Each structure stands twice: as C-alpha cells, then as structure tokens.
Amino acid sequence: SAKTLSQPGCGLTLLKRLEHSINNYLHVVRLLHVEQGEQEGPA
C-alpha cells in the first residue's frame, strides 16, 4: 500500500526491495509445512 502511494525514486525502490524480501519469507514459511508433512495451522 505504501509503495503504491510513493513517488518514483529511492524510497520507492527501497519499498519494492522490502516487499520482495518479505514475500520471499512468506513463500518459504508457507512451504515449511509441506516439507515437514504438517497440516495447515489453526487460526
């Protein structure tokens, strides 16, 4: 959301990289249960 409101430049680039990093972690943590044979966790 902050990225979509940002002006082009250094700040936008940092937000894009931060989003990419967070998404990498989301991807890996989501897949952890698949590799370990666990079921989806509770709410």
All heavy atoms as atom14 arrays in JSON, in Angstrom:
{
  "sequence": "SAKTLSQPGCGLTLLKRLEHSINNYLHVVRLLHVEQGEQEGPA",
  "atom14_mask": [
    [1, 1, 1, 1, 1, 1, 0, 0, 0, 0, 0, 0, 0, 0],
    [1, 1, 1, 1, 1, 0, 0, 0, 0, 0, 0, 0, 0, 0],
    [1, 1, 1, 1, 1, 1, 1, 1, 1, 0, 0, 0, 0, 0],
    [1, 1, 1, 1, 1, 1, 1, 0, 0, 0, 0, 0, 0, 0],
    [1, 1, 1, 1, 1, 1, 1, 1, 0, 0, 0, 0, 0, 0],
    [1, 1, 1, 1, 1, 1, 0, 0, 0, 0, 0, 0, 0, 0],
    [1, 1, 1, 1, 1, 1, 1, 1, 1, 0, 0, 0, 0, 0],
    [1, 1, 1, 1, 1, 1, 1, 0, 0, 0, 0, 0, 0, 0],
    [1, 1, 1, 1, 0, 0, 0, 0, 0, 0, 0, 0, 0, 0],
    [1, 1, 1, 1, 1, 1, 0, 0, 0, 0, 0, 0, 0, 0],
    [1, 1, 1, 1, 0, 0, 0, 0, 0, 0, 0, 0, 0, 0],
    [1, 1, 1, 1, 1, 1, 1, 1, 0, 0, 0, 0, 0, 0],
    [1, 1, 1, 1, 1, 1, 1, 0, 0, 0, 0, 0, 0, 0],
    [1, 1, 1, 1, 1, 1, 1, 1, 0, 0, 0, 0, 0, 0],
    [1, 1, 1, 1, 1, 1, 1, 1, 0, 0, 0, 0, 0, 0],
    [1, 1, 1, 1, 1, 1, 1, 1, 1, 0, 0, 0, 0, 0],
    [1, 1, 1, 1, 1, 1, 1, 1, 1, 1, 1, 0, 0, 0],
    [1, 1, 1, 1, 1, 1, 1, 1, 0, 0, 0, 0, 0, 0],
    [1, 1, 1, 1, 1, 1, 1, 1, 1, 0, 0, 0, 0, 0],
    [1, 1, 1, 1, 1, 1, 1, 1, 1, 1, 0, 0, 0, 0],
    [1, 1, 1, 1, 1, 1, 0, 0, 0, 0, 0, 0, 0, 0],
    [1, 1, 1, 1, 1, 1, 1, 1, 0, 0, 0, 0, 0, 0],
    [1, 1, 1, 1, 1, 1, 1, 1, 0, 0, 0, 0, 0, 0],
    [1, 1, 1, 1, 1, 1, 1, 1, 0, 0, 0, 0, 0, 0],
    [1, 1, 1, 1, 1, 1, 1, 1, 1, 1, 1, 1, 0, 0],
    [1, 1, 1, 1, 1, 1, 1, 1, 0, 0, 0, 0, 0, 0],
    [1, 1, 1, 1, 1, 1, 1, 1, 1, 1, 0, 0, 0, 0],
    [1, 1, 1, 1, 1, 1, 1, 0, 0, 0, 0, 0, 0, 0],
    [1, 1, 1, 1, 1, 1, 1, 0, 0, 0, 0, 0, 0, 0],
    [1, 1, 1, 1, 1, 1, 1, 1, 1, 1, 1, 0, 0, 0],
    [1, 1, 1, 1, 1, 1, 1, 1, 0, 0, 0, 0, 0, 0],
    [1, 1, 1, 1, 1, 1, 1, 1, 0, 0, 0, 0, 0, 0],
    [1, 1, 1, 1, 1, 1, 1, 1, 1, 1, 0, 0, 0, 0],
    [1, 1, 1, 1, 1, 1, 1, 0, 0, 0, 0, 0, 0, 0],
    [1, 1, 1, 1, 1, 1, 1, 1, 1, 0, 0, 0, 0, 0],
    [1, 1, 1, 1, 1, 1, 1, 1, 1, 0, 0, 0, 0, 0],
    [1, 1, 1, 1, 0, 0, 0, 0, 0, 0, 0, 0, 0, 0],
    [1, 1, 1, 1, 1, 1, 1, 1, 1, 0, 0, 0, 0, 0],
    [1, 1, 1, 1, 1, 1, 1, 1, 1, 0, 0, 0, 0, 0],
    [1, 1, 1, 1, 1, 1, 1, 1, 1, 0, 0, 0, 0, 0],
    [1, 1, 1, 1, 0, 0, 0, 0, 0, 0, 0, 0, 0, 0],
    [1, 1, 1, 1, 1, 1, 1, 0, 0, 0, 0, 0, 0, 0],
    [1, 1, 1, 1, 1, 0, 0, 0, 0, 0, 0, 0, 0, 0]
  ],
  "atom14_positions": [
    [[0.83, -1.22, 0.0], [0.0, 0.0, 0.0], [0.86, 1.26, 0.0], [0.59, 2.2, -0.75], [-0.93, 0.02, 1.22], [-1.86, -1.02, 1.14], [0.0, 0.0, 0.0], [0.0, 0.0, 0.0], [0.0, 0.0, 0.0], [0.0, 0.0, 0.0], [0.0, 0.0, 0.0], [0.0, 0.0, 0.0], [0.0, 0.0, 0.0], [0.0, 0.0, 0.0]],
    [[1.89, 1.27, 0.85], [2.79, 2.44, 0.9], [3.51, 2.6, -0.43], [3.72, 3.73, -0.89], [3.78, 2.28, 2.05], [0.0, 0.0, 0.0], [0.0, 0.0, 0.0], [0.0, 0.0, 0.0], [0.0, 0.0, 0.0], [0.0, 0.0, 0.0], [0.0, 0.0, 0.0], [0.0, 0.0, 0.0], [0.0, 0.0, 0.0], [0.0, 0.0, 0.0]],
    [[3.87, 1.49, -1.04], [4.58, 1.53, -2.33], [3.72, 2.18, -3.41], [4.21, 2.98, -4.2], [4.96, 0.09, -2.72], [5.85, -0.02, -3.92], [6.14, -1.46, -4.25], [4.93, -2.06, -4.9], [5.08, -3.38, -5.43], [0.0, 0.0, 0.0], [0.0, 0.0, 0.0], [0.0, 0.0, 0.0], [0.0, 0.0, 0.0], [0.0, 0.0, 0.0]],
    [[2.43, 1.86, -3.42], [1.56, 2.43, -4.46], [1.37, 3.93, -4.29], [1.06, 4.63, -5.26], [0.16, 1.75, -4.46], [-0.47, 1.97, -3.21], [0.27, 0.27, -4.76], [0.0, 0.0, 0.0], [0.0, 0.0, 0.0], [0.0, 0.0, 0.0], [0.0, 0.0, 0.0], [0.0, 0.0, 0.0], [0.0, 0.0, 0.0], [0.0, 0.0, 0.0]],
    [[1.59, 4.45, -3.08], [1.44, 5.88, -2.82], [2.76, 6.64, -2.93], [2.79, 7.86, -2.8], [0.86, 6.1, -1.42], [-0.55, 5.54, -1.19], [-0.93, 5.65, 0.28], [-1.56, 6.23, -2.08], [0.0, 0.0, 0.0], [0.0, 0.0, 0.0], [0.0, 0.0, 0.0], [0.0, 0.0, 0.0], [0.0, 0.0, 0.0], [0.0, 0.0, 0.0]],
    [[3.86, 5.91, -3.14], [5.18, 6.53, -3.17], [5.5, 7.12, -4.53], [5.06, 6.62, -5.57], [6.26, 5.49, -2.84], [6.15, 5.09, -1.51], [0.0, 0.0, 0.0], [0.0, 0.0, 0.0], [0.0, 0.0, 0.0], [0.0, 0.0, 0.0], [0.0, 0.0, 0.0], [0.0, 0.0, 0.0], [0.0, 0.0, 0.0], [0.0, 0.0, 0.0]],
    [[6.29, 8.18, -4.5], [6.78, 8.81, -5.73], [7.96, 8.0, -6.25], [8.68, 7.38, -5.48], [7.23, 10.25, -5.43], [6.11, 11.15, -4.94], [5.03, 11.33, -6.0], [5.31, 11.51, -7.17], [3.77, 11.26, -5.57], [0.0, 0.0, 0.0], [0.0, 0.0, 0.0], [0.0, 0.0, 0.0], [0.0, 0.0, 0.0], [0.0, 0.0, 0.0]],
    [[8.19, 8.03, -7.57], [9.37, 7.33, -8.11], [10.64, 7.87, -7.47], [10.73, 9.04, -7.14], [9.32, 7.67, -9.6], [7.9, 8.02, -9.88], [7.37, 8.64, -8.62], [0.0, 0.0, 0.0], [0.0, 0.0, 0.0], [0.0, 0.0, 0.0], [0.0, 0.0, 0.0], [0.0, 0.0, 0.0], [0.0, 0.0, 0.0], [0.0, 0.0, 0.0]],
    [[11.58, 6.97, -7.27], [12.86, 7.36, -6.69], [13.37, 6.33, -5.71], [12.92, 5.18, -5.68], [0.0, 0.0, 0.0], [0.0, 0.0, 0.0], [0.0, 0.0, 0.0], [0.0, 0.0, 0.0], [0.0, 0.0, 0.0], [0.0, 0.0, 0.0], [0.0, 0.0, 0.0], [0.0, 0.0, 0.0], [0.0, 0.0, 0.0], [0.0, 0.0, 0.0]],
    [[14.29, 6.77, -4.92], [14.99, 5.89, -3.99], [14.04, 5.23, -2.99], [14.17, 4.05, -2.69], [16.04, 6.73, -3.27], [17.36, 5.79, -2.55], [0.0, 0.0, 0.0], [0.0, 0.0, 0.0], [0.0, 0.0, 0.0], [0.0, 0.0, 0.0], [0.0, 0.0, 0.0], [0.0, 0.0, 0.0], [0.0, 0.0, 0.0], [0.0, 0.0, 0.0]],
    [[13.11, 6.0, -2.45], [12.17, 5.46, -1.47], [11.32, 4.35, -2.05], [11.1, 3.31, -1.41], [0.0, 0.0, 0.0], [0.0, 0.0, 0.0], [0.0, 0.0, 0.0], [0.0, 0.0, 0.0], [0.0, 0.0, 0.0], [0.0, 0.0, 0.0], [0.0, 0.0, 0.0], [0.0, 0.0, 0.0], [0.0, 0.0, 0.0], [0.0, 0.0, 0.0]],
    [[10.84, 4.54, -3.25], [10.03, 3.52, -3.92], [10.86, 2.26, -4.17], [10.39, 1.15, -3.96], [9.48, 4.06, -5.25], [8.64, 3.1, -6.07], [7.42, 2.62, -5.3], [8.22, 3.75, -7.38], [0.0, 0.0, 0.0], [0.0, 0.0, 0.0], [0.0, 0.0, 0.0], [0.0, 0.0, 0.0], [0.0, 0.0, 0.0], [0.0, 0.0, 0.0]],
    [[12.1, 2.45, -4.57], [12.99, 1.3, -4.79], [13.19, 0.51, -3.5], [13.15, -0.72, -3.51], [14.36, 1.8, -5.33], [14.13, 2.51, -6.55], [15.3, 0.64, -5.59], [0.0, 0.0, 0.0], [0.0, 0.0, 0.0], [0.0, 0.0, 0.0], [0.0, 0.0, 0.0], [0.0, 0.0, 0.0], [0.0, 0.0, 0.0], [0.0, 0.0, 0.0]],
    [[13.4, 1.21, -2.39], [13.56, 0.54, -1.1], [12.3, -0.23, -0.72], [12.38, -1.38, -0.24], [13.9, 1.54, -0.01], [15.36, 1.96, 0.08], [15.53, 3.12, 1.04], [16.23, 0.8, 0.51], [0.0, 0.0, 0.0], [0.0, 0.0, 0.0], [0.0, 0.0, 0.0], [0.0, 0.0, 0.0], [0.0, 0.0, 0.0], [0.0, 0.0, 0.0]],
    [[11.15, 0.37, -0.92], [9.89, -0.32, -0.6], [9.7, -1.55, -1.48], [9.22, -2.59, -1.0], [8.71, 0.63, -0.74], [8.57, 1.68, 0.37], [7.45, 2.65, 0.05], [8.33, 1.01, 1.72], [0.0, 0.0, 0.0], [0.0, 0.0, 0.0], [0.0, 0.0, 0.0], [0.0, 0.0, 0.0], [0.0, 0.0, 0.0], [0.0, 0.0, 0.0]],
    [[10.07, -1.47, -2.75], [9.97, -2.63, -3.64], [10.88, -3.76, -3.14], [10.48, -4.93, -3.13], [10.36, -2.26, -5.07], [9.31, -1.47, -5.8], [9.79, -1.11, -7.21], [8.75, -0.31, -7.97], [9.21, 0.06, -9.32], [0.0, 0.0, 0.0], [0.0, 0.0, 0.0], [0.0, 0.0, 0.0], [0.0, 0.0, 0.0], [0.0, 0.0, 0.0]],
    [[12.09, -3.41, -2.75], [13.03, -4.43, -2.25], [12.55, -5.02, -0.93], [12.68, -6.21, -0.69], [14.42, -3.83, -2.12], [15.0, -3.48, -3.49], [16.5, -3.36, -3.53], [17.14, -4.5, -2.94], [18.01, -4.41, -1.92], [18.32, -3.27, -1.4], [18.57, -5.5, -1.43], [0.0, 0.0, 0.0], [0.0, 0.0, 0.0], [0.0, 0.0, 0.0]],
    [[12.0, -4.17, -0.06], [11.47, -4.66, 1.2], [10.3, -5.61, 0.95], [10.23, -6.7, 1.54], [11.02, -3.48, 2.08], [10.33, -3.83, 3.4], [11.22, -4.71, 4.28], [9.92, -2.56, 4.14], [0.0, 0.0, 0.0], [0.0, 0.0, 0.0], [0.0, 0.0, 0.0], [0.0, 0.0, 0.0], [0.0, 0.0, 0.0], [0.0, 0.0, 0.0]],
    [[9.42, -5.23, 0.06], [8.29, -6.1, -0.28], [8.78, -7.44, -0.84], [8.27, -8.5, -0.48], [7.38, -5.41, -1.3], [6.17, -6.25, -1.69], [5.35, -5.64, -2.8], [5.9, -4.88, -3.62], [4.15, -5.95, -2.85], [0.0, 0.0, 0.0], [0.0, 0.0, 0.0], [0.0, 0.0, 0.0], [0.0, 0.0, 0.0], [0.0, 0.0, 0.0]],
    [[9.78, -7.4, -1.7], [10.34, -8.62, -2.28], [10.92, -9.52, -1.17], [10.69, -10.73, -1.16], [11.42, -8.25, -3.3], [12.04, -9.42, -3.97], [11.43, -10.13, -4.97], [13.24, -10.03, -3.76], [12.21, -11.12, -5.35], [13.32, -11.08, -4.64], [0.0, 0.0, 0.0], [0.0, 0.0, 0.0], [0.0, 0.0, 0.0], [0.0, 0.0, 0.0]],
    [[11.63, -8.92, -0.24], [12.22, -9.68, 0.86], [11.13, -10.32, 1.73], [11.21, -11.5, 2.08], [13.11, -8.77, 1.7], [13.71, -9.49, 2.75], [0.0, 0.0, 0.0], [0.0, 0.0, 0.0], [0.0, 0.0, 0.0], [0.0, 0.0, 0.0], [0.0, 0.0, 0.0], [0.0, 0.0, 0.0], [0.0, 0.0, 0.0], [0.0, 0.0, 0.0]],
    [[10.11, -9.54, 2.07], [9.01, -10.06, 2.88], [8.32, -11.2, 2.15], [8.02, -12.25, 2.74], [8.0, -8.94, 3.22], [8.64, -7.88, 4.1], [6.76, -9.52, 3.9], [7.84, -6.59, 4.21], [0.0, 0.0, 0.0], [0.0, 0.0, 0.0], [0.0, 0.0, 0.0], [0.0, 0.0, 0.0], [0.0, 0.0, 0.0], [0.0, 0.0, 0.0]],
    [[8.08, -11.03, 0.86], [7.43, -12.08, 0.07], [8.27, -13.34, -0.01], [7.73, -14.45, -0.02], [7.08, -11.57, -1.33], [5.9, -10.63, -1.3], [5.05, -10.68, -0.41], [5.83, -9.73, -2.27], [0.0, 0.0, 0.0], [0.0, 0.0, 0.0], [0.0, 0.0, 0.0], [0.0, 0.0, 0.0], [0.0, 0.0, 0.0], [0.0, 0.0, 0.0]],
    [[9.6, -13.21, -0.06], [10.47, -14.39, -0.02], [10.26, -15.16, 1.28], [10.15, -16.39, 1.28], [11.94, -13.99, -0.16], [12.34, -13.7, -1.58], [11.64, -14.05, -2.53], [13.47, -13.04, -1.75], [0.0, 0.0, 0.0], [0.0, 0.0, 0.0], [0.0, 0.0, 0.0], [0.0, 0.0, 0.0], [0.0, 0.0, 0.0], [0.0, 0.0, 0.0]],
    [[10.22, -14.44, 2.39], [9.99, -15.1, 3.68], [8.6, -15.72, 3.74], [8.44, -16.85, 4.25], [10.19, -14.11, 4.84], [11.64, -13.92, 5.17], [12.33, -12.81, 4.72], [12.33, -14.86, 5.93], [13.68, -12.63, 5.01], [13.67, -14.7, 6.23], [14.34, -13.59, 5.77], [15.68, -13.43, 6.05], [0.0, 0.0, 0.0], [0.0, 0.0, 0.0]],
    [[7.59, -15.02, 3.25], [6.24, -15.59, 3.22], [6.23, -16.9, 2.44], [5.64, -17.89, 2.89], [5.27, -14.6, 2.55], [4.59, -13.59, 3.46], [3.89, -12.52, 2.64], [3.62, -14.27, 4.4], [0.0, 0.0, 0.0], [0.0, 0.0, 0.0], [0.0, 0.0, 0.0], [0.0, 0.0, 0.0], [0.0, 0.0, 0.0], [0.0, 0.0, 0.0]],
    [[6.87, -16.9, 1.3], [6.92, -18.1, 0.45], [7.58, -19.26, 1.2], [7.03, -20.37, 1.25], [7.68, -17.78, -0.84], [7.82, -18.94, -1.75], [6.77, -19.47, -2.48], [8.9, -19.7, -2.06], [7.2, -20.5, -3.18], [8.49, -20.66, -2.95], [0.0, 0.0, 0.0], [0.0, 0.0, 0.0], [0.0, 0.0, 0.0], [0.0, 0.0, 0.0]],
    [[8.72, -19.01, 1.79], [9.45, -20.08, 2.48], [8.67, -20.58, 3.69], [8.52, -21.78, 3.89], [10.87, -19.61, 2.89], [11.53, -20.61, 3.82], [11.73, -19.39, 1.65], [0.0, 0.0, 0.0], [0.0, 0.0, 0.0], [0.0, 0.0, 0.0], [0.0, 0.0, 0.0], [0.0, 0.0, 0.0], [0.0, 0.0, 0.0], [0.0, 0.0, 0.0]],
    [[8.15, -19.66, 4.5], [7.43, -20.08, 5.71], [6.14, -20.81, 5.34], [5.78, -21.79, 6.01], [7.16, -18.87, 6.64], [6.31, -19.28, 7.83], [8.49, -18.28, 7.14], [0.0, 0.0, 0.0], [0.0, 0.0, 0.0], [0.0, 0.0, 0.0], [0.0, 0.0, 0.0], [0.0, 0.0, 0.0], [0.0, 0.0, 0.0], [0.0, 0.0, 0.0]],
    [[5.46, -20.4, 4.28], [4.26, -21.13, 3.83], [4.61, -22.56, 3.43], [3.83, -23.48, 3.65], [3.62, -20.43, 2.64], [2.76, -19.28, 3.0], [2.04, -18.72, 1.78], [1.36, -17.51, 2.12], [1.51, -16.35, 1.47], [2.3, -16.27, 0.42], [0.85, -15.29, 1.86], [0.0, 0.0, 0.0], [0.0, 0.0, 0.0], [0.0, 0.0, 0.0]],
    [[5.76, -22.74, 2.8], [6.14, -24.07, 2.32], [6.73, -24.96, 3.42], [6.85, -26.17, 3.2], [7.14, -23.96, 1.18], [6.6, -23.37, -0.12], [7.69, -23.27, -1.16], [5.44, -24.2, -0.65], [0.0, 0.0, 0.0], [0.0, 0.0, 0.0], [0.0, 0.0, 0.0], [0.0, 0.0, 0.0], [0.0, 0.0, 0.0], [0.0, 0.0, 0.0]],
    [[7.05, -24.42, 4.55], [7.66, -25.23, 5.61], [6.78, -26.41, 5.99], [7.26, -27.51, 6.18], [7.96, -24.38, 6.85], [9.14, -23.45, 6.74], [9.25, -22.6, 8.01], [10.44, -24.21, 6.52], [0.0, 0.0, 0.0], [0.0, 0.0, 0.0], [0.0, 0.0, 0.0], [0.0, 0.0, 0.0], [0.0, 0.0, 0.0], [0.0, 0.0, 0.0]],
    [[5.48, -26.2, 6.09], [4.59, -27.29, 6.48], [4.54, -28.39, 5.43], [4.4, -29.55, 5.76], [3.19, -26.77, 6.8], [2.4, -26.39, 5.61], [2.63, -25.24, 4.9], [1.38, -27.02, 4.97], [1.79, -25.17, 3.89], [1.03, -26.23, 3.91], [0.0, 0.0, 0.0], [0.0, 0.0, 0.0], [0.0, 0.0, 0.0], [0.0, 0.0, 0.0]],
    [[4.67, -28.03, 4.16], [4.64, -29.01, 3.08], [5.86, -29.93, 3.2], [5.75, -31.14, 3.13], [4.61, -28.31, 1.7], [4.75, -29.32, 0.59], [3.34, -27.5, 1.56], [0.0, 0.0, 0.0], [0.0, 0.0, 0.0], [0.0, 0.0, 0.0], [0.0, 0.0, 0.0], [0.0, 0.0, 0.0], [0.0, 0.0, 0.0], [0.0, 0.0, 0.0]],
    [[7.02, -29.33, 3.41], [8.26, -30.11, 3.51], [8.27, -30.98, 4.76], [8.85, -32.04, 4.77], [9.46, -29.17, 3.53], [9.65, -28.44, 2.24], [10.96, -28.75, 1.59], [11.84, -29.31, 2.25], [11.1, -28.44, 0.41], [0.0, 0.0, 0.0], [0.0, 0.0, 0.0], [0.0, 0.0, 0.0], [0.0, 0.0, 0.0], [0.0, 0.0, 0.0]],
    [[7.64, -30.51, 5.83], [7.68, -31.25, 7.09], [6.45, -32.14, 7.27], [6.32, -32.79, 8.3], [7.8, -30.28, 8.26], [8.99, -29.34, 8.17], [10.31, -30.06, 7.98], [10.47, -31.22, 8.35], [11.27, -29.38, 7.4], [0.0, 0.0, 0.0], [0.0, 0.0, 0.0], [0.0, 0.0, 0.0], [0.0, 0.0, 0.0], [0.0, 0.0, 0.0]],
    [[5.55, -32.14, 6.3], [4.39, -33.02, 6.36], [3.34, -32.58, 7.37], [2.55, -33.39, 7.82], [0.0, 0.0, 0.0], [0.0, 0.0, 0.0], [0.0, 0.0, 0.0], [0.0, 0.0, 0.0], [0.0, 0.0, 0.0], [0.0, 0.0, 0.0], [0.0, 0.0, 0.0], [0.0, 0.0, 0.0], [0.0, 0.0, 0.0], [0.0, 0.0, 0.0]],
    [[3.3, -31.32, 7.72], [2.34, -30.84, 8.7], [1.08, -30.33, 8.0], [1.11, -29.93, 6.85], [2.94, -29.69, 9.52], [4.08, -30.13, 10.37], [4.61, -29.0, 11.24], [4.05, -27.89, 11.19], [5.57, -29.23, 11.95], [0.0, 0.0, 0.0], [0.0, 0.0, 0.0], [0.0, 0.0, 0.0], [0.0, 0.0, 0.0], [0.0, 0.0, 0.0]],
    [[-0.01, -30.33, 8.75], [-1.26, -29.77, 8.26], [-1.24, -28.27, 8.48], [-0.45, -27.75, 9.26], [-2.44, -30.4, 9.01], [-2.54, -31.9, 8.82], [-2.68, -32.28, 7.36], [-3.48, -31.7, 6.65], [-1.89, -33.25, 6.91], [0.0, 0.0, 0.0], [0.0, 0.0, 0.0], [0.0, 0.0, 0.0], [0.0, 0.0, 0.0], [0.0, 0.0, 0.0]],
    [[-2.16, -27.58, 7.82], [-2.3, -26.13, 7.97], [-2.61, -25.82, 9.43], [-3.4, -26.49, 10.06], [-3.42, -25.62, 7.06], [-3.49, -24.13, 6.94], [-2.29, -23.52, 6.27], [-1.7, -24.17, 5.39], [-1.93, -22.4, 6.62], [0.0, 0.0, 0.0], [0.0, 0.0, 0.0], [0.0, 0.0, 0.0], [0.0, 0.0, 0.0], [0.0, 0.0, 0.0]],
    [[-1.96, -24.8, 9.95], [-2.13, -24.43, 11.35], [-3.48, -23.79, 11.62], [-4.17, -23.32, 10.71], [0.0, 0.0, 0.0], [0.0, 0.0, 0.0], [0.0, 0.0, 0.0], [0.0, 0.0, 0.0], [0.0, 0.0, 0.0], [0.0, 0.0, 0.0], [0.0, 0.0, 0.0], [0.0, 0.0, 0.0], [0.0, 0.0, 0.0], [0.0, 0.0, 0.0]],
    [[-3.87, -23.74, 12.9], [-5.14, -23.13, 13.27], [-5.07, -21.61, 13.13], [-4.0, -21.03, 13.03], [-5.29, -23.54, 14.74], [-3.88, -23.73, 15.22], [-3.11, -24.24, 14.03], [0.0, 0.0, 0.0], [0.0, 0.0, 0.0], [0.0, 0.0, 0.0], [0.0, 0.0, 0.0], [0.0, 0.0, 0.0], [0.0, 0.0, 0.0], [0.0, 0.0, 0.0]],
    [[-6.24, -21.0, 13.17], [-6.29, -19.54, 13.15], [-5.58, -19.03, 14.41], [-5.61, -19.68, 15.45], [-7.73, -19.06, 13.11], [0.0, 0.0, 0.0], [0.0, 0.0, 0.0], [0.0, 0.0, 0.0], [0.0, 0.0, 0.0], [0.0, 0.0, 0.0], [0.0, 0.0, 0.0], [0.0, 0.0, 0.0], [0.0, 0.0, 0.0], [0.0, 0.0, 0.0]]
  ]
}
